[in-house]
Amino acid sequence: MTAQTLAPVAAGTRSSERPVAVALAAMLGLGLLFMAGFSPAIAFHNAAHDFRHTQNFPCH
């Protein structure tokens, strides 16, 4: 069996991408939360109902 090593990642690459990834994840999460929270579709309401109540999000 041979051992393989991975090349190190440049220090600047990971730290500069992290804020962008966090911002995109936050926007996606908030978008999904508000889409489910304010959607008139009953399917969205039922899918997110219990989670909204645990987060004190008014839904009715």
N, C-alpha and C. Protein backbone atom coordinates (compact mmCIF):
# COMPACT_ATOMS: atom_id res chain seq x y z
N MET A 1 0.84 -1.17 0.00
CA MET A 1 0.00 0.00 0.00
C MET A 1 0.89 1.23 0.00
N THR A 2 0.55 2.18 -0.84
CA THR A 2 1.34 3.40 -0.90
C THR A 2 0.57 4.54 -0.23
N ALA A 3 1.30 5.43 0.39
CA ALA A 3 0.69 6.58 1.05
C ALA A 3 0.71 7.77 0.10
N GLN A 4 -0.38 8.48 0.05
CA GLN A 4 -0.47 9.66 -0.79
C GLN A 4 -0.71 10.87 0.10
N THR A 5 -0.08 11.95 -0.24
CA THR A 5 -0.30 13.18 0.51
C THR A 5 -1.00 14.19 -0.39
N LEU A 6 -1.80 15.02 0.22
CA LEU A 6 -2.50 16.06 -0.52
C LEU A 6 -1.70 17.35 -0.47
N ALA A 7 -1.76 18.09 -1.52
CA ALA A 7 -1.07 19.37 -1.57
C ALA A 7 -1.79 20.35 -0.65
N PRO A 8 -1.06 21.16 0.10
CA PRO A 8 -1.72 22.12 0.99
C PRO A 8 -2.47 23.19 0.20
N VAL A 9 -3.55 23.65 0.79
CA VAL A 9 -4.35 24.70 0.18
C VAL A 9 -3.72 26.04 0.55
N ALA A 10 -3.70 26.94 -0.40
CA ALA A 10 -3.14 28.26 -0.13
C ALA A 10 -3.92 28.95 0.98
N ALA A 11 -3.23 29.62 1.87
CA ALA A 11 -3.86 30.23 3.04
C ALA A 11 -4.91 31.26 2.66
N GLY A 12 -4.69 32.06 1.65
CA GLY A 12 -5.62 33.10 1.27
C GLY A 12 -6.89 32.59 0.61
N THR A 13 -6.85 31.41 0.03
CA THR A 13 -8.00 30.89 -0.71
C THR A 13 -9.17 30.57 0.22
N ARG A 14 -8.91 29.86 1.28
CA ARG A 14 -10.00 29.45 2.17
C ARG A 14 -10.58 30.62 2.95
N SER A 15 -9.73 31.50 3.43
CA SER A 15 -10.24 32.58 4.26
C SER A 15 -11.03 33.61 3.44
N SER A 16 -10.71 33.78 2.18
CA SER A 16 -11.44 34.76 1.38
C SER A 16 -12.77 34.20 0.87
N GLU A 17 -12.90 32.90 0.78
CA GLU A 17 -14.15 32.30 0.30
C GLU A 17 -15.16 32.10 1.42
N ARG A 18 -14.71 32.06 2.64
CA ARG A 18 -15.61 31.78 3.76
C ARG A 18 -16.71 32.82 3.93
N PRO A 19 -16.41 34.13 3.94
CA PRO A 19 -17.49 35.11 4.10
C PRO A 19 -18.54 35.03 2.98
N VAL A 20 -18.09 34.73 1.78
CA VAL A 20 -19.03 34.61 0.66
C VAL A 20 -19.94 33.40 0.88
N ALA A 21 -19.36 32.30 1.31
CA ALA A 21 -20.15 31.09 1.55
C ALA A 21 -21.15 31.30 2.69
N VAL A 22 -20.72 31.97 3.74
CA VAL A 22 -21.62 32.24 4.87
C VAL A 22 -22.75 33.16 4.43
N ALA A 23 -22.44 34.18 3.66
CA ALA A 23 -23.48 35.11 3.20
C ALA A 23 -24.48 34.40 2.29
N LEU A 24 -24.01 33.56 1.39
CA LEU A 24 -24.92 32.83 0.51
C LEU A 24 -25.79 31.86 1.28
N ALA A 25 -25.21 31.17 2.25
CA ALA A 25 -25.98 30.23 3.06
C ALA A 25 -27.04 30.96 3.88
N ALA A 26 -26.69 32.12 4.42
CA ALA A 26 -27.64 32.91 5.20
C ALA A 26 -28.79 33.40 4.32
N MET A 27 -28.47 33.89 3.13
CA MET A 27 -29.51 34.37 2.23
C MET A 27 -30.43 33.23 1.79
N LEU A 28 -29.86 32.08 1.52
CA LEU A 28 -30.68 30.93 1.13
C LEU A 28 -31.58 30.50 2.28
N GLY A 29 -31.02 30.42 3.47
CA GLY A 29 -31.81 30.01 4.63
C GLY A 29 -32.93 30.98 4.94
N LEU A 30 -32.63 32.27 4.94
CA LEU A 30 -33.67 33.26 5.21
C LEU A 30 -34.71 33.29 4.10
N GLY A 31 -34.28 33.12 2.87
CA GLY A 31 -35.23 33.08 1.77
C GLY A 31 -36.19 31.91 1.89
N LEU A 32 -35.68 30.75 2.25
CA LEU A 32 -36.55 29.58 2.42
C LEU A 32 -37.49 29.77 3.61
N LEU A 33 -36.97 30.34 4.69
CA LEU A 33 -37.81 30.57 5.87
C LEU A 33 -38.96 31.51 5.56
N PHE A 34 -38.66 32.63 4.92
CA PHE A 34 -39.71 33.59 4.62
C PHE A 34 -40.64 33.11 3.51
N MET A 35 -40.12 32.33 2.57
CA MET A 35 -40.99 31.77 1.54
C MET A 35 -42.02 30.84 2.19
N ALA A 36 -41.56 30.00 3.10
CA ALA A 36 -42.48 29.08 3.77
C ALA A 36 -43.38 29.83 4.75
N GLY A 37 -42.86 30.89 5.35
CA GLY A 37 -43.63 31.62 6.35
C GLY A 37 -44.75 32.45 5.77
N PHE A 38 -44.53 33.05 4.64
CA PHE A 38 -45.51 33.96 4.07
C PHE A 38 -46.23 33.41 2.84
N SER A 39 -45.97 32.18 2.49
CA SER A 39 -46.61 31.60 1.32
C SER A 39 -48.05 31.25 1.63
N PRO A 40 -48.96 31.53 0.70
CA PRO A 40 -50.35 31.16 0.93
C PRO A 40 -50.60 29.66 0.67
N ALA A 41 -49.64 28.98 0.07
CA ALA A 41 -49.84 27.56 -0.25
C ALA A 41 -49.86 26.74 1.03
N ILE A 42 -50.86 25.93 1.19
CA ILE A 42 -51.02 25.12 2.39
C ILE A 42 -49.90 24.07 2.52
N ALA A 43 -49.36 23.62 1.40
CA ALA A 43 -48.28 22.63 1.47
C ALA A 43 -47.04 23.21 2.12
N PHE A 44 -46.69 24.45 1.78
CA PHE A 44 -45.55 25.09 2.44
C PHE A 44 -45.84 25.31 3.91
N HIS A 45 -47.06 25.71 4.21
CA HIS A 45 -47.43 25.97 5.60
C HIS A 45 -47.29 24.71 6.44
N ASN A 46 -47.83 23.62 5.95
CA ASN A 46 -47.77 22.38 6.72
C ASN A 46 -46.35 21.84 6.84
N ALA A 47 -45.55 22.02 5.82
CA ALA A 47 -44.18 21.51 5.85
C ALA A 47 -43.34 22.24 6.88
N ALA A 48 -43.59 23.51 7.08
CA ALA A 48 -42.76 24.31 7.98
C ALA A 48 -43.46 24.68 9.28
N HIS A 49 -44.66 24.18 9.50
CA HIS A 49 -45.49 24.61 10.63
C HIS A 49 -44.81 24.41 11.98
N ASP A 50 -44.36 23.23 12.27
CA ASP A 50 -43.77 22.96 13.58
C ASP A 50 -42.48 23.74 13.79
N PHE A 51 -41.67 23.85 12.75
CA PHE A 51 -40.43 24.61 12.88
C PHE A 51 -40.72 26.08 13.15
N ARG A 52 -41.70 26.63 12.48
CA ARG A 52 -42.03 28.04 12.69
C ARG A 52 -42.45 28.29 14.12
N HIS A 53 -43.23 27.39 14.68
CA HIS A 53 -43.67 27.58 16.06
C HIS A 53 -42.50 27.47 17.04
N THR A 54 -41.55 26.59 16.79
CA THR A 54 -40.40 26.49 17.69
C THR A 54 -39.54 27.73 17.62
N GLN A 55 -39.57 28.45 16.52
CA GLN A 55 -38.77 29.67 16.36
C GLN A 55 -39.57 30.94 16.64
N ASN A 56 -40.80 30.79 17.19
CA ASN A 56 -41.69 31.92 17.48
C ASN A 56 -42.00 32.75 16.25
N PHE A 57 -42.12 32.11 15.11
CA PHE A 57 -42.48 32.76 13.86
C PHE A 57 -43.99 32.71 13.71
N PRO A 58 -44.66 33.84 13.66
CA PRO A 58 -46.13 33.80 13.59
C PRO A 58 -46.62 33.26 12.25
N CYS A 59 -47.52 32.33 12.31
CA CYS A 59 -48.02 31.78 11.06
C CYS A 59 -49.54 31.76 11.00
N HIS A 60 -50.22 32.04 12.10
CA HIS A 60 -51.67 32.20 12.01
C HIS A 60 -52.16 33.17 13.02
